[in-house]
Amino acid sequence: MLRNSRHFTRVNYSVGASVKYGNNVAICNTDNLSLRGMYLKTEEEIPLDASVNITIYHSSQASLKFGAKVVRKESTGVGVQIDDLNANSFAQLRNLVAENSKDQGKIMQETYKMLSCIR
């Protein structure tokens, strides 16, 4: 498993999302994302270290779903680290990051680092 770090390209990307934790669901917006994690804007009190299931609604035809862990908590939202996603969701996430990044070579290197998280 990869360590939590900022060694992945972050891109600004704002769309609707939902976070399921325990028996709760929080509606939020993405602020930025990378292949390894993202920051979600929400006023919900999502606990630090909570395991969460996230759905990003990036188009009317598709949503991106994955498991993550809350690794940072602030008054404006939470930072999560992705720890479980399927190949289809990874491909969608990679495309979103690549479309919003200027360094395609670096995104390809980061793609290889993420292979251990894909199921």
Protein backbone atom coordinates (compact mmCIF):
# COMPACT_ATOMS: atom_id res chain seq x y z
CA MET A 1 0.00 0.00 0.00
CA LEU A 2 1.19 3.51 -0.76
CA ARG A 3 1.98 5.99 2.00
CA ASN A 4 -0.08 9.14 2.32
CA SER A 5 1.96 11.80 0.59
CA ARG A 6 1.69 14.64 -1.84
CA HIS A 7 3.81 12.97 -4.49
CA PHE A 8 0.89 12.91 -6.90
CA THR A 9 -0.18 15.71 -9.20
CA ARG A 10 -3.17 17.60 -7.82
CA VAL A 11 -5.55 19.31 -10.20
CA ASN A 12 -8.39 21.68 -9.46
CA TYR A 13 -11.66 19.95 -10.22
CA SER A 14 -15.04 20.86 -8.75
CA VAL A 15 -18.06 18.59 -9.18
CA GLY A 16 -20.71 17.07 -6.93
CA ALA A 17 -19.89 14.06 -4.80
CA SER A 18 -21.26 12.01 -1.93
CA VAL A 19 -19.44 10.41 0.98
CA LYS A 20 -20.89 7.40 2.82
CA TYR A 21 -19.46 6.74 6.26
CA GLY A 22 -21.11 4.42 8.73
CA ASN A 23 -24.86 4.94 8.35
CA ASN A 24 -24.42 8.53 7.15
CA VAL A 25 -24.19 10.12 3.71
CA ALA A 26 -22.76 13.60 3.17
CA ILE A 27 -23.30 15.58 -0.02
CA CYS A 28 -20.24 17.61 -0.96
CA ASN A 29 -18.12 18.95 -3.82
CA THR A 30 -14.65 18.01 -4.89
CA ASP A 31 -12.09 20.80 -4.66
CA ASN A 32 -9.02 19.10 -6.07
CA LEU A 33 -8.04 15.58 -6.90
CA SER A 34 -5.12 13.35 -7.73
CA LEU A 35 -4.72 9.68 -8.55
CA ARG A 36 -4.12 9.04 -4.85
CA GLY A 37 -6.71 11.23 -3.14
CA MET A 38 -8.75 14.40 -3.07
CA TYR A 39 -10.11 17.22 -0.98
CA LEU A 40 -13.88 17.31 -0.49
CA LYS A 41 -15.66 20.48 0.57
CA THR A 42 -18.29 19.71 3.20
CA GLU A 43 -19.53 21.03 6.51
CA GLU A 44 -20.38 17.49 7.66
CA GLU A 45 -18.45 16.16 10.65
CA ILE A 46 -16.77 13.19 8.99
CA PRO A 47 -14.37 11.61 11.50
CA LEU A 48 -10.62 11.55 10.93
CA ASP A 49 -9.39 8.03 10.01
CA ALA A 50 -12.92 7.01 8.94
CA SER A 51 -13.24 4.53 6.10
CA VAL A 52 -15.54 6.10 3.51
CA ASN A 53 -17.12 5.24 0.18
CA ILE A 54 -17.10 8.12 -2.27
CA THR A 55 -19.08 8.69 -5.44
CA ILE A 56 -18.09 11.52 -7.78
CA TYR A 57 -20.78 12.61 -10.22
CA HIS A 58 -18.59 13.88 -13.07
CA SER A 59 -21.09 13.46 -15.89
CA SER A 60 -24.76 12.68 -16.35
CA GLN A 61 -23.83 9.27 -17.78
CA ALA A 62 -21.09 8.19 -15.39
CA SER A 63 -20.02 8.26 -11.78
CA LEU A 64 -16.74 7.32 -10.21
CA LYS A 65 -16.85 5.15 -7.05
CA PHE A 66 -14.07 4.17 -4.69
CA GLY A 67 -13.11 3.49 -1.10
CA ALA A 68 -10.90 5.87 0.86
CA LYS A 69 -9.74 6.90 4.31
CA VAL A 70 -10.08 10.39 5.82
CA VAL A 71 -6.51 11.57 6.38
CA ARG A 72 -7.10 15.30 6.94
CA LYS A 73 -9.98 17.19 8.51
CA GLU A 74 -10.59 20.93 8.35
CA SER A 75 -13.58 23.20 8.99
CA THR A 76 -14.20 23.43 5.22
CA GLY A 77 -13.90 19.74 4.39
CA VAL A 78 -11.82 16.57 4.43
CA GLY A 79 -8.83 15.17 2.62
CA VAL A 80 -9.10 11.52 1.68
CA GLN A 81 -6.61 8.92 0.52
CA ILE A 82 -7.88 6.40 -2.01
CA ASP A 83 -7.31 2.81 -0.97
CA ASP A 84 -9.75 0.78 -3.07
CA LEU A 85 -11.06 1.29 -6.59
CA ASN A 86 -11.94 -0.87 -9.55
CA ALA A 87 -10.26 -0.66 -12.94
CA ASN A 88 -13.13 1.28 -14.54
CA SER A 89 -13.17 3.93 -11.81
CA PHE A 90 -9.39 4.19 -11.95
CA ALA A 91 -9.51 4.77 -15.71
CA GLN A 92 -12.11 7.52 -15.23
CA LEU A 93 -10.09 9.15 -12.44
CA ARG A 94 -6.90 8.97 -14.47
CA ASN A 95 -8.65 10.62 -17.43
CA LEU A 96 -9.98 13.43 -15.23
CA VAL A 97 -6.53 14.12 -13.79
CA ALA A 98 -4.84 13.88 -17.19
CA GLU A 99 -7.37 16.25 -18.82
CA ASN A 100 -6.64 18.86 -16.17
CA SER A 101 -2.86 18.43 -15.97
CA LYS A 102 -0.12 19.89 -18.12
CA ASP A 103 2.39 17.08 -17.48
CA GLN A 104 1.17 13.90 -19.18
CA GLY A 105 4.48 12.11 -18.58
CA LYS A 106 4.20 12.58 -14.84
CA ILE A 107 0.59 11.35 -14.87
CA MET A 108 1.77 8.16 -16.62
CA GLN A 109 4.44 7.61 -13.93
CA GLU A 110 1.83 8.13 -11.23
CA THR A 111 -0.46 5.64 -12.98
CA TYR A 112 2.10 2.88 -12.42
CA LYS A 113 2.40 3.79 -8.72
CA MET A 114 -1.34 3.28 -8.25
CA LEU A 115 -1.57 -0.25 -9.64
CA SER A 116 -1.47 -1.81 -6.16
CA CYS A 117 -4.78 -0.12 -5.22
CA ILE A 118 -6.76 -1.30 -8.24
CA ARG A 119 -8.92 -4.37 -7.82
